[in-house]
């Protein structure tokens, strides 16, 4: 019988370590538990382009104008979506055929899908009170911003069925690199 060669020794040691690691798991100390299916569904708040995950609700442009002022959007972004301390929300004046990347860094223009706008407002606004808006407020504010950027008409009603059907101006060009460069401030006046 031949003894194992010196070459196969490292492989044998590696296999023993892997097998030993699987057997010797760290103790759990009784902390944590496996989440339920219901908890996982509640935490999964991502909204896809198809909008299948959108909650019930609805909003109009007029309701959005009121919600924009009432929920504090105007305090950061300006009364008309421009000239606030936070990024502008309304595109710059330009020809209708202008590349959306040349209209400014405006989420309601640069987003490839309207559901992205809804999702961002739902998760990230208002600043320091994220996630406090109702579904109706998010639909309404989304409608208002899309209207201000000439994406939808003033009489549009947004809900889980109509929102994903909106044809966004940047749908076919969204993978282009934005104009922001490393070292540039992301918000006017902020050093990061």
N, C-alpha and C. Protein backbone atom coordinates (compact mmCIF):
# COMPACT_ATOMS: atom_id res chain seq x y z
N UNK A 1 0.84 -1.18 0.00
CA UNK A 1 0.00 0.00 0.00
C UNK A 1 0.88 1.24 0.00
N UNK A 2 0.52 2.19 -0.85
CA UNK A 2 1.32 3.42 -0.97
C UNK A 2 0.81 4.45 0.01
N UNK A 3 1.69 5.23 0.51
CA UNK A 3 1.28 6.33 1.40
C UNK A 3 0.93 7.54 0.53
N UNK A 4 0.06 8.44 1.05
CA UNK A 4 -0.31 9.61 0.25
C UNK A 4 0.91 10.45 -0.07
N UNK A 5 0.94 10.98 -1.25
CA UNK A 5 2.08 11.81 -1.65
C UNK A 5 2.00 13.15 -0.93
N UNK A 6 3.11 13.81 -0.88
CA UNK A 6 3.18 15.12 -0.23
C UNK A 6 2.32 16.13 -0.98
N UNK A 7 2.17 15.95 -2.30
CA UNK A 7 1.37 16.87 -3.10
C UNK A 7 -0.11 16.83 -2.71
N UNK A 8 -0.64 15.69 -2.38
CA UNK A 8 -2.07 15.59 -2.06
C UNK A 8 -2.36 15.98 -0.62
N UNK A 9 -1.35 16.16 0.19
CA UNK A 9 -1.55 16.53 1.59
C UNK A 9 -2.30 17.85 1.75
N UNK A 10 -1.95 18.95 1.05
CA UNK A 10 -2.70 20.20 1.20
C UNK A 10 -4.17 20.04 0.83
N UNK A 11 -4.47 19.28 -0.19
CA UNK A 11 -5.86 19.06 -0.59
C UNK A 11 -6.61 18.31 0.49
N UNK A 12 -5.97 17.32 1.10
CA UNK A 12 -6.60 16.55 2.17
C UNK A 12 -6.87 17.45 3.38
N UNK A 13 -5.91 18.28 3.74
CA UNK A 13 -6.09 19.20 4.87
C UNK A 13 -7.22 20.17 4.58
N UNK A 14 -7.29 20.71 3.37
CA UNK A 14 -8.35 21.64 3.00
C UNK A 14 -9.72 20.98 3.10
N UNK A 15 -9.83 19.74 2.65
CA UNK A 15 -11.11 19.03 2.73
C UNK A 15 -11.52 18.82 4.18
N UNK A 16 -10.57 18.51 5.03
CA UNK A 16 -10.88 18.29 6.45
C UNK A 16 -11.33 19.60 7.10
N UNK A 17 -10.71 20.72 6.73
CA UNK A 17 -11.11 22.00 7.29
C UNK A 17 -12.53 22.38 6.87
N UNK A 18 -12.85 22.18 5.60
CA UNK A 18 -14.19 22.50 5.10
C UNK A 18 -15.22 21.64 5.81
N UNK A 19 -14.96 20.34 5.93
CA UNK A 19 -15.90 19.44 6.60
C UNK A 19 -16.04 19.81 8.07
N UNK A 20 -14.94 20.15 8.71
CA UNK A 20 -14.98 20.54 10.12
C UNK A 20 -15.74 21.83 10.33
N UNK A 21 -15.64 22.77 9.40
CA UNK A 21 -16.36 24.04 9.52
C UNK A 21 -17.86 23.82 9.45
N UNK A 22 -18.28 22.94 8.58
CA UNK A 22 -19.72 22.67 8.44
C UNK A 22 -20.28 22.04 9.71
N UNK A 23 -19.49 21.20 10.37
CA UNK A 23 -19.96 20.53 11.58
C UNK A 23 -19.91 21.48 12.77
N UNK A 24 -18.91 22.33 12.84
CA UNK A 24 -18.70 23.18 14.01
C UNK A 24 -19.24 24.58 13.79
N UNK A 25 -20.54 24.73 13.63
CA UNK A 25 -21.16 26.05 13.47
C UNK A 25 -21.15 26.78 14.81
N UNK A 26 -21.11 28.10 14.73
CA UNK A 26 -21.13 28.91 15.95
C UNK A 26 -22.46 28.74 16.65
N UNK A 27 -22.47 28.84 17.97
CA UNK A 27 -23.73 28.76 18.69
C UNK A 27 -24.58 30.00 18.40
N UNK A 28 -25.90 29.89 18.49
CA UNK A 28 -26.79 31.01 18.18
C UNK A 28 -27.09 31.86 19.39
N UNK A 29 -26.81 31.39 20.58
CA UNK A 29 -27.05 32.13 21.81
C UNK A 29 -28.53 32.49 21.99
N UNK A 30 -29.39 31.81 21.28
CA UNK A 30 -30.82 32.06 21.44
C UNK A 30 -31.27 33.41 20.90
N UNK A 31 -30.47 34.02 20.01
CA UNK A 31 -30.80 35.32 19.46
C UNK A 31 -31.30 35.15 18.04
N UNK A 32 -32.37 35.83 17.71
CA UNK A 32 -32.88 35.81 16.34
C UNK A 32 -33.79 34.63 16.08
N UNK A 33 -34.45 34.70 14.95
CA UNK A 33 -35.34 33.63 14.53
C UNK A 33 -35.54 33.76 13.02
N UNK A 34 -36.06 32.74 12.43
CA UNK A 34 -36.35 32.76 11.00
C UNK A 34 -37.61 33.59 10.79
N UNK A 35 -37.58 34.58 9.89
CA UNK A 35 -38.78 35.40 9.68
C UNK A 35 -39.89 34.58 9.02
N UNK A 36 -41.12 34.97 9.29
CA UNK A 36 -42.26 34.31 8.68
C UNK A 36 -42.42 34.79 7.24
N UNK A 37 -43.18 34.06 6.44
CA UNK A 37 -43.46 34.48 5.07
C UNK A 37 -44.14 35.85 5.05
N UNK A 38 -45.03 36.09 5.99
CA UNK A 38 -45.73 37.38 6.08
C UNK A 38 -44.76 38.52 6.36
N UNK A 39 -43.79 38.31 7.25
CA UNK A 39 -42.79 39.33 7.56
C UNK A 39 -41.92 39.62 6.33
N UNK A 40 -41.54 38.59 5.63
CA UNK A 40 -40.72 38.78 4.42
C UNK A 40 -41.49 39.60 3.40
N UNK A 41 -42.76 39.29 3.19
CA UNK A 41 -43.59 40.06 2.24
C UNK A 41 -43.70 41.52 2.68
N UNK A 42 -43.83 41.77 3.98
CA UNK A 42 -43.95 43.15 4.48
C UNK A 42 -42.65 43.93 4.27
N UNK A 43 -41.51 43.26 4.38
CA UNK A 43 -40.23 43.94 4.20
C UNK A 43 -39.88 44.14 2.74
N UNK A 44 -40.45 43.35 1.87
CA UNK A 44 -40.15 43.44 0.44
C UNK A 44 -40.99 44.56 -0.17
N UNK A 45 -40.44 45.77 -0.14
CA UNK A 45 -41.20 46.93 -0.62
C UNK A 45 -40.72 47.40 -1.98
N UNK A 46 -39.86 46.65 -2.64
CA UNK A 46 -39.38 47.03 -3.96
C UNK A 46 -40.53 47.04 -4.97
N UNK A 47 -40.52 48.03 -5.83
CA UNK A 47 -41.54 48.15 -6.87
C UNK A 47 -40.85 47.94 -8.22
N UNK A 48 -41.30 46.95 -8.96
CA UNK A 48 -40.70 46.65 -10.26
C UNK A 48 -41.31 47.53 -11.35
N UNK A 49 -40.72 47.55 -12.53
CA UNK A 49 -41.28 48.33 -13.64
C UNK A 49 -42.71 47.93 -14.00
N UNK A 50 -43.07 46.68 -13.76
CA UNK A 50 -44.44 46.23 -14.08
C UNK A 50 -45.46 46.74 -13.08
N UNK A 51 -45.00 47.16 -11.89
CA UNK A 51 -45.89 47.69 -10.88
C UNK A 51 -46.72 46.66 -10.14
N UNK A 52 -46.41 45.38 -10.30
CA UNK A 52 -47.19 44.32 -9.65
C UNK A 52 -47.24 44.50 -8.13
N UNK A 53 -46.22 45.10 -7.56
CA UNK A 53 -46.14 45.24 -6.10
C UNK A 53 -46.78 46.53 -5.59
N UNK A 54 -47.27 47.37 -6.47
CA UNK A 54 -47.87 48.64 -6.04
C UNK A 54 -49.09 48.39 -5.15
N UNK A 55 -49.24 49.19 -4.10
CA UNK A 55 -50.39 49.02 -3.22
C UNK A 55 -51.63 49.69 -3.81
N UNK A 56 -52.80 49.38 -3.28
CA UNK A 56 -54.00 50.08 -3.71
C UNK A 56 -53.88 51.56 -3.36
N UNK A 57 -54.54 52.38 -4.12
CA UNK A 57 -54.53 53.82 -3.90
C UNK A 57 -54.65 54.54 -5.22
N UNK A 58 -54.72 55.87 -5.14
CA UNK A 58 -54.84 56.67 -6.36
C UNK A 58 -54.46 58.10 -6.02
N UNK A 59 -54.15 58.87 -7.06
CA UNK A 59 -53.82 60.27 -6.86
C UNK A 59 -53.92 61.04 -8.16
N UNK A 60 -54.32 62.30 -8.05
CA UNK A 60 -54.42 63.18 -9.20
C UNK A 60 -53.38 64.28 -9.11
N UNK A 61 -53.25 65.01 -10.18
CA UNK A 61 -52.31 66.14 -10.22
C UNK A 61 -52.72 67.19 -9.19
N UNK A 62 -54.01 67.51 -9.12
CA UNK A 62 -54.49 68.53 -8.17
C UNK A 62 -54.25 68.08 -6.73
N UNK A 63 -54.52 66.82 -6.43
CA UNK A 63 -54.24 66.30 -5.08
C UNK A 63 -52.75 66.32 -4.81
N UNK A 64 -51.96 66.06 -5.83
CA UNK A 64 -50.51 66.08 -5.68
C UNK A 64 -49.96 67.45 -5.38
N UNK A 65 -50.54 68.49 -5.99
CA UNK A 65 -50.10 69.86 -5.70
C UNK A 65 -50.34 70.20 -4.23
N UNK A 66 -51.48 69.78 -3.71
CA UNK A 66 -51.78 70.01 -2.29
C UNK A 66 -50.86 69.19 -1.39
N UNK A 67 -50.68 67.91 -1.71
CA UNK A 67 -49.82 67.05 -0.90
C UNK A 67 -48.37 67.52 -0.94
N UNK A 68 -47.93 68.03 -2.08
CA UNK A 68 -46.56 68.54 -2.23
C UNK A 68 -46.31 69.65 -1.21
N UNK A 69 -47.26 70.54 -1.05
CA UNK A 69 -47.11 71.63 -0.07
C UNK A 69 -47.33 71.13 1.35
N UNK A 70 -48.34 70.32 1.56
CA UNK A 70 -48.73 69.89 2.90
C UNK A 70 -47.70 68.96 3.55
N UNK A 71 -47.04 68.11 2.78
CA UNK A 71 -46.11 67.13 3.36
C UNK A 71 -44.68 67.64 3.47
N UNK A 72 -44.42 68.84 3.01
CA UNK A 72 -43.10 69.43 3.19
C UNK A 72 -42.19 69.38 1.99
N UNK A 73 -42.65 68.87 0.86
CA UNK A 73 -41.80 68.81 -0.33
C UNK A 73 -41.31 70.20 -0.71
N UNK A 74 -42.23 71.16 -0.67
CA UNK A 74 -41.90 72.54 -1.08
C UNK A 74 -40.83 73.15 -0.19
N UNK A 75 -40.77 72.74 1.06
CA UNK A 75 -39.78 73.29 1.99
C UNK A 75 -38.35 73.00 1.56
N UNK A 76 -38.13 71.87 0.92
CA UNK A 76 -36.78 71.51 0.47
C UNK A 76 -36.56 71.76 -1.02
N UNK A 77 -37.56 71.47 -1.82
CA UNK A 77 -37.40 71.53 -3.28
C UNK A 77 -37.91 72.82 -3.90
N UNK A 78 -38.48 73.71 -3.09
CA UNK A 78 -39.02 74.96 -3.61
C UNK A 78 -40.49 74.83 -3.94
N UNK A 79 -41.20 75.94 -3.88
CA UNK A 79 -42.65 75.95 -4.08
C UNK A 79 -43.05 75.40 -5.44
N UNK A 80 -42.24 75.63 -6.45
CA UNK A 80 -42.55 75.17 -7.81
C UNK A 80 -41.64 74.02 -8.25
N UNK A 81 -40.96 73.37 -7.29
CA UNK A 81 -40.06 72.27 -7.64
C UNK A 81 -38.68 72.71 -8.08
N UNK A 82 -38.40 74.00 -7.97
CA UNK A 82 -37.09 74.56 -8.34
C UNK A 82 -36.67 75.55 -7.25
N UNK A 83 -35.42 75.90 -7.25
CA UNK A 83 -34.88 76.94 -6.36
C UNK A 83 -34.97 76.59 -4.88
N UNK A 84 -35.03 75.32 -4.54
CA UNK A 84 -34.96 74.91 -3.14
C UNK A 84 -33.54 74.50 -2.81
N UNK A 85 -33.30 74.15 -1.56
CA UNK A 85 -31.95 73.73 -1.17
C UNK A 85 -31.67 72.28 -1.59
N UNK A 86 -32.72 71.52 -1.90
CA UNK A 86 -32.58 70.15 -2.41
C UNK A 86 -32.64 70.20 -3.94
N UNK A 87 -32.32 69.10 -4.60
CA UNK A 87 -32.32 69.11 -6.07
C UNK A 87 -33.66 69.54 -6.66
N UNK A 88 -33.58 70.19 -7.80
CA UNK A 88 -34.79 70.61 -8.50
C UNK A 88 -35.55 69.39 -8.99
N UNK A 89 -36.85 69.53 -9.11
CA UNK A 89 -37.72 68.43 -9.52
C UNK A 89 -38.38 68.68 -10.86
N UNK A 90 -38.12 69.83 -11.45
CA UNK A 90 -38.74 70.20 -12.72
C UNK A 90 -37.63 70.44 -13.74
N UNK A 91 -37.85 69.89 -14.93
CA UNK A 91 -36.82 69.98 -15.97
C UNK A 91 -36.56 71.44 -16.35
N UNK A 92 -35.39 71.66 -16.90
CA UNK A 92 -35.04 72.97 -17.42
C UNK A 92 -35.71 73.13 -18.77
N UNK A 93 -35.97 74.36 -19.15
CA UNK A 93 -36.59 74.60 -20.46
C UNK A 93 -35.66 74.11 -21.57
N UNK A 94 -36.24 73.37 -22.49
CA UNK A 94 -35.47 72.86 -23.63
C UNK A 94 -36.46 72.42 -24.70
N UNK A 95 -35.93 72.16 -25.86
CA UNK A 95 -36.77 71.66 -26.95
C UNK A 95 -37.34 70.29 -26.58
N UNK A 96 -38.54 69.97 -27.03
CA UNK A 96 -39.13 68.67 -26.70
C UNK A 96 -38.30 67.48 -27.17
N UNK A 97 -37.49 67.65 -28.19
CA UNK A 97 -36.70 66.55 -28.71
C UNK A 97 -35.34 66.42 -28.02
N UNK A 98 -35.07 67.26 -27.05
CA UNK A 98 -33.79 67.24 -26.35
C UNK A 98 -33.61 65.91 -25.61
N UNK A 99 -32.39 65.42 -25.63
CA UNK A 99 -32.05 64.23 -24.87
C UNK A 99 -32.38 64.46 -23.40
N UNK A 100 -33.11 63.54 -22.75
CA UNK A 100 -33.48 63.74 -21.34
C UNK A 100 -32.30 63.98 -20.42
N UNK A 101 -31.10 63.49 -20.80
CA UNK A 101 -29.92 63.71 -19.94
C UNK A 101 -29.48 65.17 -19.96
N UNK A 102 -29.94 65.95 -20.93
CA UNK A 102 -29.57 67.36 -21.00
C UNK A 102 -30.59 68.27 -20.32
N UNK A 103 -31.59 67.72 -19.69
CA UNK A 103 -32.63 68.52 -19.05
C UNK A 103 -32.36 68.77 -17.57
N UNK A 104 -31.26 68.24 -17.05
CA UNK A 104 -30.95 68.37 -15.64
C UNK A 104 -31.11 67.01 -14.96
N UNK A 105 -30.59 66.90 -13.75
CA UNK A 105 -30.68 65.64 -13.01
C UNK A 105 -32.03 65.57 -12.32
N UNK A 106 -33.06 65.30 -13.07
CA UNK A 106 -34.43 65.35 -12.59
C UNK A 106 -35.00 63.94 -12.58
N UNK A 107 -35.32 63.39 -11.41
CA UNK A 107 -35.83 62.03 -11.32
C UNK A 107 -37.07 61.80 -12.19
N UNK A 108 -38.07 62.70 -12.19
CA UNK A 108 -39.24 62.43 -13.02
C UNK A 108 -38.96 62.44 -14.53
N UNK A 109 -37.78 62.85 -14.95
CA UNK A 109 -37.41 62.82 -16.36
C UNK A 109 -36.42 61.68 -16.63
N UNK A 110 -35.45 61.51 -15.77
CA UNK A 110 -34.40 60.53 -16.01
C UNK A 110 -34.80 59.10 -15.68
N UNK A 111 -35.79 58.90 -14.83
CA UNK A 111 -36.20 57.54 -14.48
C UNK A 111 -36.72 56.82 -15.71
N UNK A 112 -36.33 55.57 -15.89
CA UNK A 112 -36.80 54.85 -17.08
C UNK A 112 -38.25 54.40 -16.97
N UNK A 113 -38.76 54.30 -15.74
CA UNK A 113 -40.13 53.85 -15.51
C UNK A 113 -40.78 54.75 -14.46
N UNK A 114 -42.06 55.01 -14.60
CA UNK A 114 -42.77 55.84 -13.63
C UNK A 114 -42.81 55.17 -12.27
N UNK A 115 -42.73 53.85 -12.24
CA UNK A 115 -42.73 53.15 -10.95
C UNK A 115 -41.48 53.48 -10.14
N UNK A 116 -40.39 53.83 -10.81
CA UNK A 116 -39.16 54.23 -10.10
C UNK A 116 -39.40 55.53 -9.33
N UNK A 117 -40.10 56.46 -9.94
CA UNK A 117 -40.42 57.73 -9.28
C UNK A 117 -41.28 57.46 -8.06
N UNK A 118 -42.33 56.66 -8.22
CA UNK A 118 -43.22 56.31 -7.10
C UNK A 118 -42.42 55.64 -5.99
N UNK A 119 -41.58 54.67 -6.34
CA UNK A 119 -40.80 53.91 -5.37
C UNK A 119 -39.84 54.82 -4.60
N UNK A 120 -39.19 55.74 -5.29
CA UNK A 120 -38.24 56.64 -4.62
C UNK A 120 -38.97 57.56 -3.63
N UNK A 121 -40.08 58.13 -4.05
CA UNK A 121 -40.85 59.00 -3.15
C UNK A 121 -41.35 58.19 -1.96
N UNK A 122 -41.85 57.00 -2.22
CA UNK A 122 -42.40 56.16 -1.16
C UNK A 122 -41.34 55.80 -0.12
N UNK A 123 -40.14 55.45 -0.58
CA UNK A 123 -39.10 55.00 0.35
C UNK A 123 -38.27 56.13 0.94
N UNK A 124 -38.03 57.19 0.16
CA UNK A 124 -37.03 58.16 0.57
C UNK A 124 -37.52 59.54 0.95
N UNK A 125 -38.81 59.78 0.90
CA UNK A 125 -39.31 61.12 1.18
C UNK A 125 -40.41 61.07 2.22
N UNK A 126 -40.61 62.13 2.94
CA UNK A 126 -39.77 63.32 3.06
C UNK A 126 -38.52 63.03 3.90
N UNK A 127 -37.49 63.82 3.68
CA UNK A 127 -36.22 63.63 4.36
C UNK A 127 -36.42 63.60 5.88
N UNK A 128 -35.84 62.63 6.51
CA UNK A 128 -35.91 62.39 7.96
C UNK A 128 -37.28 61.92 8.42
N UNK A 129 -38.21 61.70 7.51
CA UNK A 129 -39.52 61.11 7.82
C UNK A 129 -39.87 60.11 6.72
N UNK A 130 -38.85 59.43 6.21
CA UNK A 130 -39.02 58.51 5.11
C UNK A 130 -40.07 57.45 5.43
N UNK A 131 -40.87 57.13 4.42
CA UNK A 131 -41.87 56.08 4.59
C UNK A 131 -43.13 56.49 5.32
N UNK A 132 -43.30 57.77 5.58
CA UNK A 132 -44.48 58.22 6.33
C UNK A 132 -45.64 58.65 5.43
N UNK A 133 -45.40 58.76 4.14
CA UNK A 133 -46.47 59.16 3.23
C UNK A 133 -47.42 57.99 2.98
N UNK A 134 -48.70 58.27 2.82
CA UNK A 134 -49.66 57.23 2.47
C UNK A 134 -49.50 56.90 0.99
N UNK A 135 -50.04 55.75 0.60
CA UNK A 135 -49.98 55.37 -0.82
C UNK A 135 -50.68 56.41 -1.68
N UNK A 136 -51.81 56.95 -1.22
CA UNK A 136 -52.52 57.99 -1.97
C UNK A 136 -51.66 59.24 -2.14
N UNK A 137 -50.95 59.64 -1.09
CA UNK A 137 -50.08 60.81 -1.19
C UNK A 137 -48.95 60.57 -2.19
N UNK A 138 -48.39 59.36 -2.18
CA UNK A 138 -47.30 59.05 -3.10
C UNK A 138 -47.81 59.05 -4.54
N UNK A 139 -48.97 58.45 -4.79
CA UNK A 139 -49.55 58.49 -6.14
C UNK A 139 -49.79 59.94 -6.56
N UNK A 140 -50.33 60.76 -5.66
CA UNK A 140 -50.65 62.14 -6.00
C UNK A 140 -49.39 62.96 -6.27
N UNK A 141 -48.39 62.86 -5.42
CA UNK A 141 -47.15 63.62 -5.61
C UNK A 141 -46.45 63.17 -6.88
N UNK A 142 -46.46 61.87 -7.15
CA UNK A 142 -45.89 61.36 -8.39
C UNK A 142 -46.61 61.96 -9.59
N UNK A 143 -47.94 62.00 -9.53
CA UNK A 143 -48.73 62.59 -10.63
C UNK A 143 -48.36 64.05 -10.81
N UNK A 144 -48.25 64.78 -9.72
CA UNK A 144 -47.92 66.21 -9.78
C UNK A 144 -46.55 66.43 -10.44
N UNK A 145 -45.56 65.66 -10.03
CA UNK A 145 -44.21 65.83 -10.58
C UNK A 145 -44.15 65.41 -12.05
N UNK A 146 -44.83 64.35 -12.41
CA UNK A 146 -44.86 63.94 -13.82
C UNK A 146 -45.59 64.98 -14.66
N UNK A 147 -46.63 65.59 -14.11
CA UNK A 147 -47.34 66.66 -14.83
C UNK A 147 -46.43 67.88 -15.01
N UNK A 148 -45.74 68.30 -13.94
CA UNK A 148 -44.86 69.47 -14.04
C UNK A 148 -43.78 69.27 -15.09
N UNK A 149 -43.40 68.03 -15.33
CA UNK A 149 -42.36 67.72 -16.31
C UNK A 149 -42.93 67.29 -17.66
N UNK A 150 -44.21 67.56 -17.86
CA UNK A 150 -44.90 67.32 -19.13
C UNK A 150 -44.86 65.86 -19.57
N UNK A 151 -44.93 64.95 -18.61
CA UNK A 151 -44.95 63.53 -18.91
C UNK A 151 -46.40 63.03 -19.00
N UNK A 152 -47.29 63.57 -18.15
CA UNK A 152 -48.70 63.18 -18.16
C UNK A 152 -49.56 64.44 -18.24
N UNK A 153 -50.81 64.30 -18.69
CA UNK A 153 -51.70 65.46 -18.74
C UNK A 153 -52.25 65.81 -17.36
N UNK A 154 -52.80 67.01 -17.25
CA UNK A 154 -53.29 67.51 -15.97
C UNK A 154 -54.46 66.69 -15.42
N UNK A 155 -55.22 66.05 -16.26
CA UNK A 155 -56.38 65.29 -15.80
C UNK A 155 -56.07 63.82 -15.51
N UNK A 156 -54.81 63.44 -15.52
CA UNK A 156 -54.42 62.05 -15.29
C UNK A 156 -54.70 61.63 -13.85
N UNK A 157 -55.08 60.38 -13.69
CA UNK A 157 -55.27 59.77 -12.38
C UNK A 157 -54.32 58.59 -12.32
N UNK A 158 -53.44 58.60 -11.32
CA UNK A 158 -52.47 57.51 -11.19
C UNK A 158 -52.94 56.51 -10.14
N UNK A 159 -52.79 55.25 -10.47
CA UNK A 159 -53.05 54.16 -9.54
C UNK A 159 -52.17 52.99 -9.95
N UNK A 160 -52.36 51.84 -9.31
CA UNK A 160 -51.50 50.69 -9.58
C UNK A 160 -51.62 50.19 -11.02
N UNK A 161 -52.74 50.47 -11.66
CA UNK A 161 -52.92 50.03 -13.04
C UNK A 161 -52.35 51.03 -14.05
N UNK A 162 -52.57 52.32 -13.82
CA UNK A 162 -52.16 53.33 -14.81
C UNK A 162 -50.68 53.72 -14.71
N UNK A 163 -50.11 53.70 -13.51
CA UNK A 163 -48.73 54.16 -13.32
C UNK A 163 -47.72 53.39 -14.17
N UNK A 164 -47.74 52.05 -14.19
CA UNK A 164 -46.73 51.32 -14.98
C UNK A 164 -46.88 51.53 -16.49
N UNK A 165 -48.01 52.01 -16.94
CA UNK A 165 -48.25 52.19 -18.38
C UNK A 165 -47.70 53.50 -18.92
N UNK A 166 -47.26 54.38 -18.04
CA UNK A 166 -46.74 55.68 -18.48
C UNK A 166 -45.44 55.48 -19.26
N UNK A 167 -45.36 56.09 -20.42
CA UNK A 167 -44.16 56.03 -21.24
C UNK A 167 -43.23 57.17 -20.81
N UNK A 168 -42.16 56.85 -20.13
CA UNK A 168 -41.23 57.85 -19.62
C UNK A 168 -40.31 58.33 -20.75
N UNK A 169 -39.91 59.62 -20.71
CA UNK A 169 -39.06 60.17 -21.77
C UNK A 169 -37.71 59.49 -21.89
N UNK A 170 -37.21 58.91 -20.81
CA UNK A 170 -35.87 58.32 -20.81
C UNK A 170 -35.89 56.80 -20.82
N UNK A 171 -37.01 56.21 -21.16
CA UNK A 171 -37.13 54.75 -21.09
C UNK A 171 -36.07 54.04 -21.93
N UNK A 172 -35.75 54.56 -23.09
CA UNK A 172 -34.82 53.87 -23.98
C UNK A 172 -33.37 54.33 -23.83
N UNK A 173 -33.12 55.33 -23.00
CA UNK A 173 -31.75 55.86 -22.87
C UNK A 173 -31.27 55.87 -21.43
N UNK A 174 -31.93 55.14 -20.56
CA UNK A 174 -31.63 55.25 -19.13
C UNK A 174 -30.28 54.70 -18.72
N UNK A 175 -29.65 53.87 -19.51
CA UNK A 175 -28.37 53.29 -19.13
C UNK A 175 -27.19 54.22 -19.42
N UNK A 176 -27.44 55.38 -19.99
CA UNK A 176 -26.35 56.31 -20.26
C UNK A 176 -25.74 56.81 -18.94
N UNK A 177 -24.50 57.20 -19.00
CA UNK A 177 -23.80 57.70 -17.82
C UNK A 177 -24.26 59.13 -17.53
N UNK A 178 -24.67 59.43 -16.29
CA UNK A 178 -25.09 60.79 -15.97
C UNK A 178 -23.94 61.78 -15.99
N UNK A 179 -24.25 63.06 -15.91
CA UNK A 179 -23.23 64.10 -16.01
C UNK A 179 -22.47 64.37 -14.71
N UNK A 180 -22.84 63.72 -13.61
CA UNK A 180 -22.13 63.92 -12.36
C UNK A 180 -20.76 63.27 -12.44
N UNK A 181 -19.75 63.94 -11.92
CA UNK A 181 -18.38 63.43 -11.90
C UNK A 181 -17.90 63.34 -10.46
N UNK A 182 -17.03 62.38 -10.13
CA UNK A 182 -16.50 62.28 -8.77
C UNK A 182 -15.89 63.61 -8.32
N UNK A 183 -16.17 63.96 -7.09
CA UNK A 183 -15.67 65.21 -6.54
C UNK A 183 -16.65 66.36 -6.65
N UNK A 184 -17.65 66.23 -7.51
CA UNK A 184 -18.67 67.27 -7.62
C UNK A 184 -19.68 67.11 -6.50
N UNK A 185 -20.20 68.23 -5.96
CA UNK A 185 -21.23 68.09 -4.93
C UNK A 185 -22.50 67.50 -5.53
N UNK A 186 -23.20 66.68 -4.76
CA UNK A 186 -24.45 66.07 -5.23
C UNK A 186 -25.61 67.02 -5.00
N UNK A 187 -25.55 67.78 -3.95
CA UNK A 187 -26.56 68.80 -3.69
C UNK A 187 -25.85 70.15 -3.65
N UNK A 188 -26.44 71.17 -4.22
CA UNK A 188 -25.77 72.49 -4.18
C UNK A 188 -25.44 72.90 -2.74
N UNK A 189 -24.21 73.29 -2.52
CA UNK A 189 -23.81 73.77 -1.22
C UNK A 189 -23.34 72.70 -0.26
N UNK A 190 -23.45 71.43 -0.63
CA UNK A 190 -23.01 70.35 0.26
C UNK A 190 -21.66 69.85 -0.21
N UNK A 191 -20.70 69.63 0.71
CA UNK A 191 -19.32 69.32 0.32
C UNK A 191 -19.06 67.87 -0.06
N UNK A 192 -20.02 66.96 0.01
CA UNK A 192 -19.71 65.55 -0.26
C UNK A 192 -19.85 65.18 -1.70
